[in-house]
Amino acid sequence: MKIGPKFKTAFDKLQQEISIMKQLDHPSIVKLIEVIDDPNSINMFIGILLPFPFNLLIVMEYVQGGQLLEWDENTKSFSSPTYKGFLPEEKLRATFNGIIEGLDYCTFSSF
């Protein structure tokens, strides 16, 4: 089991995550193109609370096809905006295989 380094600050952890994302190169993983520290941009929430002003622009690869699933508040379930309901089995199978391949790549790569 690989145990990562202890981080001194949330910023250290953020830098480590960006470094890992830049190294990822797999067809099932959206690529990180660039991270721009722009003091003139609006603050963005990225899932962790940072104890300092934080303005990053994250440029990622364009993924054709749009959003795979969206939350339907009326039915309290996810549905496909493209297929107007549930995903067809073939699309679901291909999507799930891509997710597993991406996770496998991340699990067995050493970053």
Protein backbone atom coordinates (compact mmCIF):
# COMPACT_ATOMS: atom_id res chain seq x y z
CA MET A 1 0.00 0.00 0.00
CA LYS A 2 1.38 3.35 -1.07
CA ILE A 3 1.15 6.11 1.52
CA GLY A 4 1.59 9.66 0.31
CA PRO A 5 3.65 12.36 1.99
CA LYS A 6 2.24 14.42 4.83
CA PHE A 7 1.27 17.89 3.67
CA LYS A 8 2.16 20.97 5.66
CA THR A 9 -0.66 23.09 4.24
CA ALA A 10 -3.74 22.79 2.06
CA PHE A 11 -1.76 24.62 -0.63
CA ASP A 12 0.88 21.82 -0.55
CA LYS A 13 -1.88 19.26 -1.11
CA LEU A 14 -3.32 21.31 -3.96
CA GLN A 15 0.10 21.54 -5.63
CA GLN A 16 0.52 17.75 -5.32
CA GLU A 17 -2.93 17.12 -6.86
CA ILE A 18 -2.18 19.47 -9.79
CA SER A 19 1.17 17.75 -10.32
CA ILE A 20 -0.52 14.35 -10.47
CA MET A 21 -3.25 15.59 -12.80
CA LYS A 22 -0.65 16.99 -15.22
CA GLN A 23 1.01 13.54 -15.41
CA LEU A 24 -2.17 11.62 -16.22
CA ASP A 25 -2.21 10.46 -19.82
CA HIS A 26 -4.99 7.99 -20.60
CA PRO A 27 -7.84 8.12 -23.14
CA SER A 28 -10.42 7.61 -20.37
CA ILE A 29 -9.18 10.54 -18.25
CA VAL A 30 -9.86 14.19 -19.07
CA LYS A 31 -6.51 15.93 -19.46
CA LEU A 32 -5.45 18.95 -17.44
CA ILE A 33 -4.06 21.43 -19.95
CA GLU A 34 -3.00 24.30 -17.73
CA VAL A 35 -3.52 25.93 -14.34
CA ILE A 36 -3.37 29.73 -14.28
CA ASP A 37 -3.05 31.67 -11.03
CA ASP A 38 -4.95 34.86 -11.80
CA PRO A 39 -5.46 37.33 -8.95
CA ASN A 40 -8.09 39.13 -11.07
CA SER A 41 -10.35 36.07 -11.50
CA ILE A 42 -13.25 35.27 -9.20
CA ASN A 43 -12.75 32.87 -6.29
CA MET A 44 -13.56 29.28 -7.20
CA PHE A 45 -14.65 26.43 -4.92
CA ILE A 46 -12.61 23.29 -5.64
CA GLY A 47 -13.74 20.98 -2.87
CA ILE A 48 -11.30 21.97 -0.13
CA LEU A 49 -11.23 25.06 2.02
CA LEU A 50 -8.07 27.09 1.75
CA PRO A 51 -7.03 29.64 4.38
CA PHE A 52 -5.95 32.28 1.85
CA PRO A 53 -7.33 34.12 -1.20
CA PHE A 54 -7.36 31.65 -4.03
CA ASN A 55 -7.89 32.40 -7.73
CA LEU A 56 -7.05 29.60 -10.13
CA LEU A 57 -8.27 29.08 -13.67
CA ILE A 58 -8.20 25.39 -14.54
CA VAL A 59 -8.06 24.62 -18.27
CA MET A 60 -9.07 21.06 -19.10
CA GLU A 61 -9.49 19.06 -22.30
CA TYR A 62 -12.76 19.53 -24.19
CA VAL A 63 -14.88 16.38 -24.11
CA GLN A 64 -17.32 16.09 -26.99
CA GLY A 65 -20.81 14.80 -26.29
CA GLY A 66 -21.73 16.91 -23.33
CA GLN A 67 -22.83 15.85 -19.90
CA LEU A 68 -23.32 12.10 -19.46
CA LEU A 69 -25.90 12.30 -16.66
CA GLU A 70 -27.80 15.01 -14.85
CA TRP A 71 -29.82 15.04 -11.64
CA ASP A 72 -33.59 15.22 -12.10
CA GLU A 73 -35.07 16.86 -9.01
CA ASN A 74 -38.60 15.70 -9.89
CA THR A 75 -37.76 11.97 -10.05
CA LYS A 76 -34.85 12.21 -7.58
CA SER A 77 -32.64 10.23 -9.98
CA PHE A 78 -30.00 10.67 -12.64
CA SER A 79 -31.00 10.62 -16.28
CA SER A 80 -29.28 11.14 -19.62
CA PRO A 81 -30.04 14.47 -21.30
CA THR A 82 -28.75 13.02 -24.59
CA TYR A 83 -30.91 9.89 -24.54
CA LYS A 84 -33.89 11.45 -22.68
CA GLY A 85 -33.86 8.93 -19.86
CA PHE A 86 -31.71 5.91 -19.16
CA LEU A 87 -28.53 5.23 -21.09
CA PRO A 88 -28.73 2.39 -23.62
CA GLU A 89 -26.93 -0.76 -22.44
CA GLU A 90 -24.20 -0.44 -25.09
CA LYS A 91 -23.39 3.14 -24.07
CA LEU A 92 -23.52 2.26 -20.39
CA ARG A 93 -21.17 -0.71 -20.93
CA ALA A 94 -18.66 1.40 -22.89
CA THR A 95 -18.80 4.19 -20.28
CA PHE A 96 -18.33 1.80 -17.37
CA ASN A 97 -15.39 0.10 -19.15
CA GLY A 98 -13.77 3.52 -19.65
CA ILE A 99 -14.20 4.35 -15.97
CA ILE A 100 -12.64 1.03 -14.92
CA GLU A 101 -9.73 1.49 -17.36
CA GLY A 102 -9.10 5.01 -16.03
CA LEU A 103 -9.20 3.83 -12.41
CA ASP A 104 -6.90 0.91 -13.26
CA TYR A 105 -4.42 3.31 -14.88
CA CYS A 106 -4.44 5.59 -11.82
CA THR A 107 -4.15 2.70 -9.38
CA PHE A 108 -1.14 1.09 -11.00
CA SER A 109 0.73 4.25 -12.01
CA SER A 110 3.32 5.66 -9.67
CA PHE A 111 3.00 9.40 -9.29
